[in-house]
Amino acid sequence: MASGFCAAFVGMCQAILYNSAQVSAGQSFIFNSIIAVVIGGVFLTGGYGSVLGIALGTVTFAIVNQGIYYTGFDANWASLIIGVLLLAAVLLNNTFHTMALTHSAPSAKRKAGK
């Protein structure tokens, strides 16, 4: 409900600012929000994530995105760099998830044996 309210509020603000309403106005932000959340440590499969991690991921993505913009890279190269960043974040998330499951398995077995 809060997400829908925020989306409606932003839509009204954009309509007031630009004196028109466009259905596809915010579609370019969808991929960026997914990247920021994944960089923040949220698993794509769900089940793990924190607000602090999402905030840090958003700040990290914003710094990288602005750094790419100010260096003057071509838009295609900038998209490639962002894609590589997303790929690295997903691979790190999967690696950390696998490591967490590996290290937590013996303690789960000990608890089951007691």
N, C-alpha and C. Protein backbone atom coordinates (compact mmCIF):
# COMPACT_ATOMS: atom_id res chain seq x y z
N MET A 1 0.82 -1.17 0.00
CA MET A 1 0.00 0.00 0.00
C MET A 1 0.88 1.26 0.00
N ALA A 2 1.95 1.21 0.78
CA ALA A 2 2.86 2.36 0.84
C ALA A 2 3.56 2.57 -0.50
N SER A 3 3.93 1.48 -1.15
CA SER A 3 4.59 1.58 -2.45
C SER A 3 3.65 2.20 -3.49
N GLY A 4 2.40 1.78 -3.48
CA GLY A 4 1.41 2.34 -4.41
C GLY A 4 1.16 3.81 -4.14
N PHE A 5 1.11 4.18 -2.86
CA PHE A 5 0.92 5.59 -2.51
C PHE A 5 2.10 6.43 -2.99
N CYS A 6 3.31 5.93 -2.77
CA CYS A 6 4.51 6.67 -3.20
C CYS A 6 4.55 6.80 -4.72
N ALA A 7 4.18 5.74 -5.43
CA ALA A 7 4.16 5.79 -6.89
C ALA A 7 3.14 6.81 -7.38
N ALA A 8 1.97 6.84 -6.75
CA ALA A 8 0.95 7.82 -7.14
C ALA A 8 1.41 9.25 -6.84
N PHE A 9 2.08 9.42 -5.71
CA PHE A 9 2.58 10.74 -5.34
C PHE A 9 3.63 11.24 -6.33
N VAL A 10 4.56 10.37 -6.70
CA VAL A 10 5.59 10.74 -7.67
C VAL A 10 4.96 11.02 -9.03
N GLY A 11 3.95 10.23 -9.42
CA GLY A 11 3.25 10.48 -10.67
C GLY A 11 2.57 11.83 -10.69
N MET A 12 1.94 12.20 -9.58
CA MET A 12 1.31 13.53 -9.51
C MET A 12 2.35 14.63 -9.56
N CYS A 13 3.47 14.44 -8.88
CA CYS A 13 4.54 15.45 -8.91
C CYS A 13 5.09 15.63 -10.31
N GLN A 14 5.28 14.53 -11.04
CA GLN A 14 5.77 14.64 -12.42
C GLN A 14 4.74 15.31 -13.32
N ALA A 15 3.49 15.00 -13.12
CA ALA A 15 2.45 15.63 -13.93
C ALA A 15 2.40 17.13 -13.67
N ILE A 16 2.57 17.54 -12.44
CA ILE A 16 2.58 18.96 -12.12
C ILE A 16 3.83 19.63 -12.69
N LEU A 17 4.97 18.97 -12.57
CA LEU A 17 6.23 19.55 -13.02
C LEU A 17 6.28 19.72 -14.53
N TYR A 18 5.82 18.69 -15.28
CA TYR A 18 5.93 18.72 -16.74
C TYR A 18 4.63 19.10 -17.44
N ASN A 19 3.58 19.39 -16.69
CA ASN A 19 2.27 19.74 -17.24
C ASN A 19 1.72 18.68 -18.18
N SER A 20 2.10 17.45 -17.97
CA SER A 20 1.56 16.34 -18.74
C SER A 20 1.84 15.05 -17.98
N ALA A 21 1.11 14.02 -18.35
CA ALA A 21 1.31 12.72 -17.72
C ALA A 21 1.67 11.71 -18.79
N GLN A 22 2.75 10.98 -18.58
CA GLN A 22 3.18 9.97 -19.52
C GLN A 22 3.26 8.63 -18.78
N VAL A 23 2.73 7.61 -19.39
CA VAL A 23 2.71 6.29 -18.76
C VAL A 23 4.12 5.73 -18.60
N SER A 24 4.98 5.98 -19.56
CA SER A 24 6.32 5.39 -19.54
C SER A 24 7.37 6.31 -18.95
N ALA A 25 6.98 7.27 -18.13
CA ALA A 25 7.93 8.28 -17.64
C ALA A 25 9.01 7.68 -16.73
N GLY A 26 8.69 6.69 -15.91
CA GLY A 26 9.67 6.19 -14.96
C GLY A 26 10.22 4.82 -15.28
N GLN A 27 10.01 4.34 -16.49
CA GLN A 27 10.46 2.99 -16.80
C GLN A 27 11.97 2.84 -16.82
N SER A 28 12.68 3.91 -17.03
CA SER A 28 14.14 3.82 -17.05
C SER A 28 14.72 3.61 -15.66
N PHE A 29 13.91 3.85 -14.63
CA PHE A 29 14.40 3.70 -13.26
C PHE A 29 14.22 2.28 -12.72
N ILE A 30 13.47 1.44 -13.40
CA ILE A 30 13.20 0.10 -12.90
C ILE A 30 14.49 -0.72 -12.81
N PHE A 31 15.25 -0.75 -13.89
CA PHE A 31 16.49 -1.52 -13.90
C PHE A 31 17.49 -0.97 -12.89
N ASN A 32 17.55 0.36 -12.78
CA ASN A 32 18.47 0.97 -11.82
C ASN A 32 18.11 0.60 -10.39
N SER A 33 16.83 0.53 -10.08
CA SER A 33 16.43 0.16 -8.72
C SER A 33 16.77 -1.30 -8.42
N ILE A 34 16.62 -2.17 -9.41
CA ILE A 34 16.99 -3.57 -9.21
C ILE A 34 18.49 -3.69 -8.98
N ILE A 35 19.28 -2.96 -9.75
CA ILE A 35 20.74 -2.99 -9.58
C ILE A 35 21.13 -2.51 -8.19
N ALA A 36 20.53 -1.41 -7.74
CA ALA A 36 20.88 -0.86 -6.42
C ALA A 36 20.54 -1.83 -5.30
N VAL A 37 19.41 -2.52 -5.42
CA VAL A 37 19.00 -3.47 -4.39
C VAL A 37 19.93 -4.69 -4.38
N VAL A 38 20.30 -5.18 -5.56
CA VAL A 38 21.20 -6.34 -5.63
C VAL A 38 22.58 -5.98 -5.11
N ILE A 39 23.07 -4.80 -5.43
CA ILE A 39 24.36 -4.35 -4.90
C ILE A 39 24.29 -4.25 -3.38
N GLY A 40 23.11 -3.91 -2.86
CA GLY A 40 22.92 -3.81 -1.42
C GLY A 40 22.87 -5.13 -0.70
N GLY A 41 22.87 -6.24 -1.42
CA GLY A 41 22.94 -7.55 -0.78
C GLY A 41 21.65 -8.33 -0.75
N VAL A 42 20.61 -7.86 -1.41
CA VAL A 42 19.36 -8.61 -1.44
C VAL A 42 19.48 -9.71 -2.48
N PHE A 43 19.11 -10.94 -2.09
CA PHE A 43 19.16 -12.06 -3.02
C PHE A 43 18.04 -11.95 -4.03
N LEU A 44 18.32 -12.30 -5.26
CA LEU A 44 17.29 -12.28 -6.30
C LEU A 44 16.22 -13.33 -6.04
N THR A 45 16.57 -14.37 -5.30
CA THR A 45 15.61 -15.41 -4.97
C THR A 45 14.77 -15.06 -3.75
N GLY A 46 15.12 -13.98 -3.07
CA GLY A 46 14.37 -13.56 -1.90
C GLY A 46 14.90 -14.17 -0.63
N GLY A 47 14.34 -13.74 0.49
CA GLY A 47 14.68 -14.33 1.77
C GLY A 47 15.76 -13.62 2.56
N TYR A 48 16.48 -12.70 1.97
CA TYR A 48 17.53 -12.03 2.70
C TYR A 48 17.69 -10.61 2.18
N GLY A 49 17.92 -9.68 3.09
CA GLY A 49 18.15 -8.29 2.73
C GLY A 49 17.93 -7.40 3.94
N SER A 50 18.51 -6.23 3.90
CA SER A 50 18.33 -5.28 5.00
C SER A 50 18.19 -3.88 4.43
N VAL A 51 17.55 -3.03 5.19
CA VAL A 51 17.34 -1.66 4.76
C VAL A 51 18.68 -0.93 4.67
N LEU A 52 19.57 -1.19 5.62
CA LEU A 52 20.90 -0.56 5.58
C LEU A 52 21.68 -1.01 4.35
N GLY A 53 21.60 -2.29 4.02
CA GLY A 53 22.28 -2.79 2.82
C GLY A 53 21.73 -2.15 1.56
N ILE A 54 20.41 -2.00 1.50
CA ILE A 54 19.80 -1.36 0.32
C ILE A 54 20.24 0.09 0.22
N ALA A 55 20.30 0.79 1.35
CA ALA A 55 20.75 2.19 1.34
C ALA A 55 22.19 2.29 0.88
N LEU A 56 23.05 1.40 1.39
CA LEU A 56 24.46 1.42 0.96
C LEU A 56 24.60 1.02 -0.51
N GLY A 57 23.79 0.08 -0.97
CA GLY A 57 23.82 -0.30 -2.38
C GLY A 57 23.36 0.83 -3.28
N THR A 58 22.36 1.58 -2.83
CA THR A 58 21.87 2.72 -3.60
C THR A 58 22.94 3.81 -3.70
N VAL A 59 23.59 4.09 -2.58
CA VAL A 59 24.64 5.10 -2.58
C VAL A 59 25.81 4.65 -3.46
N THR A 60 26.18 3.39 -3.36
CA THR A 60 27.28 2.86 -4.18
C THR A 60 26.93 2.95 -5.66
N PHE A 61 25.72 2.55 -6.02
CA PHE A 61 25.31 2.62 -7.42
C PHE A 61 25.27 4.06 -7.91
N ALA A 62 24.80 4.97 -7.08
CA ALA A 62 24.74 6.38 -7.48
C ALA A 62 26.14 6.95 -7.71
N ILE A 63 27.08 6.59 -6.84
CA ILE A 63 28.45 7.07 -7.00
C ILE A 63 29.07 6.52 -8.28
N VAL A 64 28.89 5.24 -8.54
CA VAL A 64 29.44 4.64 -9.75
C VAL A 64 28.78 5.24 -10.99
N ASN A 65 27.47 5.41 -10.94
CA ASN A 65 26.74 5.96 -12.08
C ASN A 65 27.18 7.39 -12.38
N GLN A 66 27.32 8.20 -11.36
CA GLN A 66 27.77 9.58 -11.58
C GLN A 66 29.24 9.61 -12.01
N GLY A 67 30.04 8.70 -11.49
CA GLY A 67 31.45 8.64 -11.92
C GLY A 67 31.56 8.30 -13.39
N ILE A 68 30.72 7.36 -13.84
CA ILE A 68 30.72 7.02 -15.27
C ILE A 68 30.27 8.21 -16.10
N TYR A 69 29.26 8.91 -15.61
CA TYR A 69 28.74 10.08 -16.35
C TYR A 69 29.80 11.17 -16.47
N TYR A 70 30.51 11.45 -15.38
CA TYR A 70 31.49 12.54 -15.41
C TYR A 70 32.77 12.19 -16.14
N THR A 71 33.05 10.91 -16.32
CA THR A 71 34.24 10.54 -17.08
C THR A 71 34.02 10.68 -18.58
N GLY A 72 32.76 10.78 -19.00
CA GLY A 72 32.47 11.01 -20.40
C GLY A 72 32.45 9.76 -21.26
N PHE A 73 32.20 8.61 -20.65
CA PHE A 73 32.08 7.39 -21.44
C PHE A 73 30.87 7.48 -22.36
N ASP A 74 30.96 6.76 -23.47
CA ASP A 74 29.82 6.63 -24.37
C ASP A 74 28.70 5.90 -23.63
N ALA A 75 27.45 6.13 -24.02
CA ALA A 75 26.30 5.52 -23.34
C ALA A 75 26.35 3.99 -23.42
N ASN A 76 26.82 3.46 -24.53
CA ASN A 76 26.92 2.01 -24.66
C ASN A 76 27.95 1.43 -23.70
N TRP A 77 29.08 2.10 -23.56
CA TRP A 77 30.10 1.63 -22.62
C TRP A 77 29.61 1.77 -21.19
N ALA A 78 28.88 2.83 -20.90
CA ALA A 78 28.34 3.02 -19.56
C ALA A 78 27.37 1.90 -19.21
N SER A 79 26.55 1.50 -20.16
CA SER A 79 25.63 0.38 -19.93
C SER A 79 26.39 -0.91 -19.71
N LEU A 80 27.48 -1.10 -20.44
CA LEU A 80 28.30 -2.29 -20.26
C LEU A 80 28.92 -2.32 -18.86
N ILE A 81 29.41 -1.19 -18.40
CA ILE A 81 30.01 -1.12 -17.07
C ILE A 81 28.97 -1.41 -15.99
N ILE A 82 27.77 -0.85 -16.14
CA ILE A 82 26.70 -1.10 -15.18
C ILE A 82 26.30 -2.57 -15.22
N GLY A 83 26.25 -3.16 -16.40
CA GLY A 83 25.93 -4.59 -16.52
C GLY A 83 26.96 -5.47 -15.86
N VAL A 84 28.24 -5.14 -16.02
CA VAL A 84 29.31 -5.89 -15.36
C VAL A 84 29.22 -5.73 -13.85
N LEU A 85 28.88 -4.54 -13.39
CA LEU A 85 28.69 -4.31 -11.96
C LEU A 85 27.55 -5.17 -11.42
N LEU A 86 26.45 -5.25 -12.16
CA LEU A 86 25.33 -6.10 -11.75
C LEU A 86 25.73 -7.57 -11.74
N LEU A 87 26.44 -8.00 -12.76
CA LEU A 87 26.89 -9.38 -12.82
C LEU A 87 27.80 -9.72 -11.64
N ALA A 88 28.71 -8.81 -11.31
CA ALA A 88 29.60 -9.03 -10.17
C ALA A 88 28.81 -9.09 -8.86
N ALA A 89 27.81 -8.23 -8.72
CA ALA A 89 27.00 -8.25 -7.49
C ALA A 89 26.22 -9.56 -7.37
N VAL A 90 25.66 -10.04 -8.46
CA VAL A 90 24.91 -11.30 -8.42
C VAL A 90 25.84 -12.47 -8.10
N LEU A 91 27.01 -12.50 -8.72
CA LEU A 91 27.96 -13.58 -8.45
C LEU A 91 28.44 -13.55 -7.00
N LEU A 92 28.69 -12.35 -6.47
CA LEU A 92 29.10 -12.24 -5.07
C LEU A 92 27.97 -12.67 -4.13
N ASN A 93 26.73 -12.27 -4.46
CA ASN A 93 25.60 -12.69 -3.64
C ASN A 93 25.47 -14.20 -3.62
N ASN A 94 25.59 -14.83 -4.78
CA ASN A 94 25.50 -16.29 -4.85
C ASN A 94 26.64 -16.96 -4.09
N THR A 95 27.83 -16.41 -4.20
CA THR A 95 28.99 -16.96 -3.49
C THR A 95 28.79 -16.86 -1.98
N PHE A 96 28.36 -15.68 -1.51
CA PHE A 96 28.14 -15.50 -0.07
C PHE A 96 27.00 -16.39 0.43
N HIS A 97 25.97 -16.55 -0.38
CA HIS A 97 24.86 -17.41 0.00
C HIS A 97 25.31 -18.86 0.11
N THR A 98 26.11 -19.31 -0.83
CA THR A 98 26.64 -20.68 -0.79
C THR A 98 27.55 -20.87 0.41
N MET A 99 28.39 -19.89 0.69
CA MET A 99 29.29 -19.98 1.84
C MET A 99 28.49 -20.01 3.14
N ALA A 100 27.44 -19.21 3.23
CA ALA A 100 26.62 -19.18 4.44
C ALA A 100 25.93 -20.53 4.66
N LEU A 101 25.43 -21.11 3.58
CA LEU A 101 24.79 -22.42 3.71
C LEU A 101 25.78 -23.50 4.09
N THR A 102 26.99 -23.42 3.54
CA THR A 102 28.02 -24.42 3.83
C THR A 102 28.46 -24.35 5.29
N HIS A 103 28.63 -23.14 5.79
CA HIS A 103 29.12 -22.99 7.17
C HIS A 103 28.02 -23.19 8.20
N SER A 104 26.77 -23.02 7.81
CA SER A 104 25.70 -23.20 8.78
C SER A 104 25.22 -24.64 8.84
N ALA A 105 25.56 -25.46 7.87
CA ALA A 105 25.09 -26.85 7.83
C ALA A 105 25.62 -27.68 9.00
N PRO A 106 26.89 -27.61 9.39
CA PRO A 106 27.35 -28.44 10.53
C PRO A 106 26.65 -28.06 11.83
N SER A 107 26.40 -26.78 12.06
CA SER A 107 25.75 -26.40 13.31
C SER A 107 24.29 -26.87 13.31
N ALA A 108 23.65 -26.90 12.15
CA ALA A 108 22.29 -27.41 12.07
C ALA A 108 22.27 -28.91 12.35
N LYS A 109 23.30 -29.63 11.90
CA LYS A 109 23.38 -31.07 12.17
C LYS A 109 23.61 -31.34 13.65
N ARG A 110 24.44 -30.52 14.30
CA ARG A 110 24.68 -30.70 15.73
C ARG A 110 23.41 -30.47 16.53
N LYS A 111 22.62 -29.46 16.15
CA LYS A 111 21.39 -29.18 16.86
C LYS A 111 20.39 -30.30 16.66
N ALA A 112 20.37 -30.88 15.48
CA ALA A 112 19.44 -31.98 15.20
C ALA A 112 19.84 -33.24 15.96
N GLY A 113 21.15 -33.41 16.22
CA GLY A 113 21.65 -34.60 16.89
C GLY A 113 21.43 -34.57 18.39
N LYS A 114 21.23 -33.40 18.95
CA LYS A 114 21.06 -33.28 20.41
C LYS A 114 19.74 -33.75 20.86
